[in-house]
Amino acid sequence: MQTYQLHIKLLSDTTFGRGDGIAGLIDQEIEHDQHGFPFLRGRSLKGLLSEECDTLLKSLGSAGEPLIAARNILFGIGGSQLDTQSCLRFGDARLPAQLRQQLQAANISAHEILTALTVIRRQTALADGVAQRGSLRSSRAVVRKLTFVSEITAVKNLTKQQQALLTASCKALRRLGSDRNRGRGRVDCWLIDTANPSTPLTLDELASALGV
């Protein structure tokens, strides 16, 4: 069993949308826990990385075909049985434990913590450059520059090729969350092997490990 840490640094305000809002206040609320700390669900993170991996293999054309087996081991196959499930377990991406502990020790409420870490953005739909009546919507977003960490556990040891493909998929993740096509959700991601937290692989080293 191996453990990795995926670090996600927000380069722009980001909404980890949960699909509902607060009547009279906000149309789209973010995912947050009972203490007011925003987080990104591990299931959503797995889907994002799987999508990036598929895009990467497609961009490689025929050179990516030998990597399909590694991709299926990492992320599983849709509708898979026990023997074809993903070998990875994704934890929720949360703020570093030290930061959470410091804020909780300050004896402030969950609402105050949520307010301090987020901002409410408002926008309207436009038609020919003119705001449409009744289209004003508001959503909460996590402020930029914060870093979230997800623990990824491999139930069996990854090969060098599989680890390189996972690393490349993480590096390829550049946007996430709601409204990522409207300027929000830009991120910088990197993967750390907790058993060997050395300097991250360069692109050339990744390509060599992938055999492309």
Protein backbone atom coordinates (compact mmCIF):
# COMPACT_ATOMS: atom_id res chain seq x y z
CA MET A 1 0.00 0.00 0.00
CA GLN A 2 1.27 3.46 -0.95
CA THR A 3 0.12 6.92 0.11
CA TYR A 4 0.34 10.12 -1.90
CA GLN A 5 -0.63 13.71 -1.24
CA LEU A 6 -2.20 15.81 -3.97
CA HIS A 7 -1.70 19.53 -3.32
CA ILE A 8 -4.11 21.92 -5.03
CA LYS A 9 -3.24 25.63 -4.94
CA LEU A 10 -6.03 27.97 -5.99
CA LEU A 11 -4.83 30.55 -8.52
CA SER A 12 -8.26 32.17 -8.75
CA ASP A 13 -11.44 32.18 -6.67
CA THR A 14 -13.03 28.74 -6.90
CA THR A 15 -16.50 27.34 -6.22
CA PHE A 16 -16.76 23.75 -4.99
CA GLY A 17 -20.47 23.76 -5.82
CA ARG A 18 -22.90 21.48 -4.02
CA GLY A 19 -25.97 22.33 -6.13
CA ASP A 20 -28.07 24.28 -3.62
CA GLY A 21 -28.16 27.70 -2.05
CA ILE A 22 -29.60 29.72 0.81
CA ALA A 23 -32.97 31.33 0.10
CA GLY A 24 -32.72 35.09 -0.08
CA LEU A 25 -28.94 35.12 0.30
CA ILE A 26 -27.10 33.00 -2.24
CA ASP A 27 -28.04 30.86 -5.23
CA GLN A 28 -25.09 28.47 -5.10
CA GLU A 29 -23.42 27.45 -1.87
CA ILE A 30 -20.04 25.70 -1.67
CA GLU A 31 -19.22 22.38 -0.07
CA HIS A 32 -18.17 22.95 3.55
CA ASP A 33 -18.11 20.95 6.77
CA GLN A 34 -19.77 21.63 10.11
CA HIS A 35 -16.85 23.84 11.17
CA GLY A 36 -17.20 26.11 8.13
CA PHE A 37 -14.16 24.78 6.23
CA PRO A 38 -14.60 24.41 2.43
CA PHE A 39 -13.55 21.11 0.85
CA LEU A 40 -13.65 19.20 -2.43
CA ARG A 41 -15.08 15.70 -2.29
CA GLY A 42 -12.72 12.86 -3.12
CA ARG A 43 -15.24 11.40 -5.56
CA SER A 44 -15.30 14.66 -7.53
CA LEU A 45 -11.51 14.83 -7.51
CA LYS A 46 -11.23 11.29 -8.86
CA GLY A 47 -13.60 12.19 -11.72
CA LEU A 48 -11.59 15.28 -12.60
CA LEU A 49 -8.28 13.40 -12.67
CA SER A 50 -9.77 10.52 -14.65
CA GLU A 51 -11.02 13.02 -17.23
CA GLU A 52 -7.60 14.68 -17.45
CA CYS A 53 -5.96 11.26 -17.86
CA ASP A 54 -8.32 10.35 -20.71
CA THR A 55 -7.63 13.68 -22.42
CA LEU A 56 -3.89 13.13 -22.06
CA LEU A 57 -4.01 9.64 -23.59
CA LYS A 58 -6.19 10.86 -26.43
CA SER A 59 -3.73 13.66 -27.21
CA LEU A 60 -0.93 11.08 -27.47
CA GLY A 61 -2.76 9.20 -30.21
CA SER A 62 -1.35 5.73 -30.87
CA ALA A 63 1.49 6.41 -28.40
CA GLY A 64 -1.09 6.51 -25.63
CA GLU A 65 -2.58 3.08 -26.35
CA PRO A 66 0.03 1.15 -24.29
CA LEU A 67 -0.96 3.32 -21.30
CA ILE A 68 -4.66 2.39 -21.33
CA ALA A 69 -4.08 -0.60 -19.06
CA ALA A 70 -2.29 1.62 -16.53
CA ARG A 71 -5.14 4.13 -16.75
CA ASN A 72 -7.72 1.43 -16.02
CA ILE A 73 -5.76 0.22 -13.00
CA LEU A 74 -5.54 3.76 -11.62
CA PHE A 75 -9.11 4.92 -12.21
CA GLY A 76 -11.08 1.75 -12.92
CA ILE A 77 -13.59 1.05 -15.67
CA GLY A 78 -17.15 2.35 -15.72
CA GLY A 79 -19.52 -0.25 -14.30
CA SER A 80 -16.52 -2.31 -13.24
CA GLN A 81 -16.57 -5.38 -11.04
CA LEU A 82 -14.35 -5.98 -8.02
CA ASP A 83 -11.35 -7.06 -10.11
CA THR A 84 -11.53 -4.01 -12.41
CA GLN A 85 -12.14 -1.28 -9.83
CA SER A 86 -9.76 1.62 -9.30
CA CYS A 87 -6.80 0.77 -7.12
CA LEU A 88 -6.83 4.34 -5.75
CA ARG A 89 -8.83 5.73 -2.84
CA PHE A 90 -9.26 9.51 -2.91
CA GLY A 91 -9.70 11.47 0.30
CA ASP A 92 -11.52 14.79 0.37
CA ALA A 93 -9.28 17.76 -0.48
CA ARG A 94 -9.14 19.92 2.64
CA LEU A 95 -7.17 22.84 3.99
CA PRO A 96 -3.98 21.85 5.85
CA ALA A 97 -4.68 20.48 9.34
CA GLN A 98 -2.50 23.12 11.01
CA LEU A 99 -4.52 25.98 9.50
CA ARG A 100 -7.81 24.36 10.50
CA GLN A 101 -6.59 23.80 14.04
CA GLN A 102 -5.42 27.42 14.36
CA LEU A 103 -8.77 28.80 13.22
CA GLN A 104 -10.73 26.51 15.49
CA ALA A 105 -8.48 27.43 18.43
CA ALA A 106 -9.37 31.09 17.84
CA ASN A 107 -12.86 30.23 19.13
CA ILE A 108 -14.74 31.71 16.19
CA SER A 109 -17.97 30.35 14.76
CA ALA A 110 -18.36 28.15 11.70
CA HIS A 111 -20.09 31.02 9.90
CA GLU A 112 -17.18 33.35 10.64
CA ILE A 113 -14.67 30.77 9.37
CA LEU A 114 -16.67 30.26 6.17
CA THR A 115 -16.97 34.02 5.65
CA ALA A 116 -13.25 34.56 6.20
CA LEU A 117 -12.25 31.93 3.63
CA THR A 118 -14.79 32.76 0.93
CA VAL A 119 -16.32 35.57 -1.07
CA ILE A 120 -19.75 35.93 -2.69
CA ARG A 121 -19.63 36.65 -6.42
CA ARG A 122 -22.58 37.98 -8.43
CA GLN A 123 -23.09 37.84 -12.17
CA THR A 124 -25.81 38.30 -14.77
CA ALA A 125 -26.51 36.73 -18.14
CA LEU A 126 -25.94 39.04 -21.11
CA ALA A 127 -27.79 39.29 -24.40
CA ASP A 128 -26.16 41.53 -27.02
CA GLY A 129 -24.11 43.10 -24.25
CA VAL A 130 -27.15 43.93 -22.12
CA ALA A 131 -27.92 42.28 -18.78
CA GLN A 132 -31.06 40.15 -18.95
CA ARG A 133 -33.79 41.00 -16.46
CA GLY A 134 -34.01 38.56 -13.57
CA SER A 135 -30.74 36.80 -14.44
CA LEU A 136 -28.69 38.03 -11.46
CA ARG A 137 -27.24 35.04 -9.62
CA SER A 138 -24.84 34.80 -6.71
CA SER A 139 -22.43 32.05 -5.72
CA ARG A 140 -19.90 31.60 -2.97
CA ALA A 141 -16.26 31.00 -3.92
CA VAL A 142 -13.15 30.05 -1.97
CA VAL A 143 -10.60 32.85 -2.12
CA ARG A 144 -7.47 32.38 -4.21
CA LYS A 145 -4.02 31.42 -2.90
CA LEU A 146 -5.33 28.82 -0.46
CA THR A 147 -3.93 25.29 -0.81
CA PHE A 148 -5.95 22.12 -0.33
CA VAL A 149 -4.52 18.65 0.26
CA SER A 150 -6.05 15.28 -0.62
CA GLU A 151 -4.62 11.98 0.54
CA ILE A 152 -4.61 9.33 -2.18
CA THR A 153 -4.07 5.73 -1.13
CA ALA A 154 -3.07 2.98 -3.57
CA VAL A 155 -4.28 -0.38 -2.30
CA LYS A 156 -1.39 -1.99 -4.14
CA ASN A 157 2.03 -0.64 -5.04
CA LEU A 158 2.07 1.31 -8.29
CA THR A 159 4.60 0.64 -11.01
CA LYS A 160 6.85 3.45 -12.16
CA GLN A 161 4.66 3.87 -15.24
CA GLN A 162 1.42 3.98 -13.25
CA GLN A 163 2.84 6.50 -10.81
CA ALA A 164 4.09 8.65 -13.69
CA LEU A 165 0.64 8.58 -15.32
CA LEU A 166 -1.01 9.61 -12.05
CA THR A 167 1.54 12.41 -11.64
CA ALA A 168 0.95 13.63 -15.20
CA SER A 169 -2.83 13.60 -14.68
CA CYS A 170 -2.43 15.72 -11.55
CA LYS A 171 -0.15 18.19 -13.32
CA ALA A 172 -2.67 18.43 -16.18
CA LEU A 173 -5.49 19.51 -13.86
CA ARG A 174 -5.69 23.27 -14.39
CA ARG A 175 -9.32 24.12 -13.63
CA LEU A 176 -11.98 22.73 -11.32
CA GLY A 177 -15.26 23.63 -9.70
CA SER A 178 -18.28 25.51 -10.98
CA ASP A 179 -17.84 28.41 -13.42
CA ARG A 180 -14.40 27.14 -14.41
CA ASN A 181 -15.20 28.27 -17.96
CA ARG A 182 -15.85 31.81 -16.72
CA GLY A 183 -12.46 32.59 -15.25
CA ARG A 184 -12.78 30.85 -11.89
CA GLY A 185 -11.24 27.65 -10.65
CA ARG A 186 -7.68 27.99 -11.98
CA VAL A 187 -5.38 25.74 -9.98
CA ASP A 188 -1.82 24.45 -9.80
CA CYS A 189 -1.53 20.79 -8.73
CA TRP A 190 1.35 18.56 -7.75
CA LEU A 191 1.64 15.04 -6.36
CA ILE A 192 3.94 13.98 -3.53
CA ASP A 193 4.87 10.39 -2.67
CA THR A 194 4.83 10.49 1.14
CA ALA A 195 7.41 7.70 1.31
CA ASN A 196 9.77 9.56 -1.03
CA PRO A 197 8.99 13.30 -0.98
CA SER A 198 11.76 14.22 -3.41
CA THR A 199 11.75 16.88 -6.10
CA PRO A 200 8.75 16.38 -8.45
CA LEU A 201 9.49 14.81 -11.81
CA THR A 202 10.18 17.13 -14.72
CA LEU A 203 8.12 16.85 -17.91
CA ASP A 204 11.02 15.08 -19.63
CA GLU A 205 11.29 12.59 -16.77
CA LEU A 206 7.55 12.01 -16.88
CA ALA A 207 7.65 11.38 -20.63
CA SER A 208 10.52 8.92 -20.17
CA ALA A 209 8.69 7.05 -17.39
CA LEU A 210 5.56 6.88 -19.57
CA GLY A 211 7.55 5.64 -22.55
CA VAL A 212 6.38 8.41 -24.89
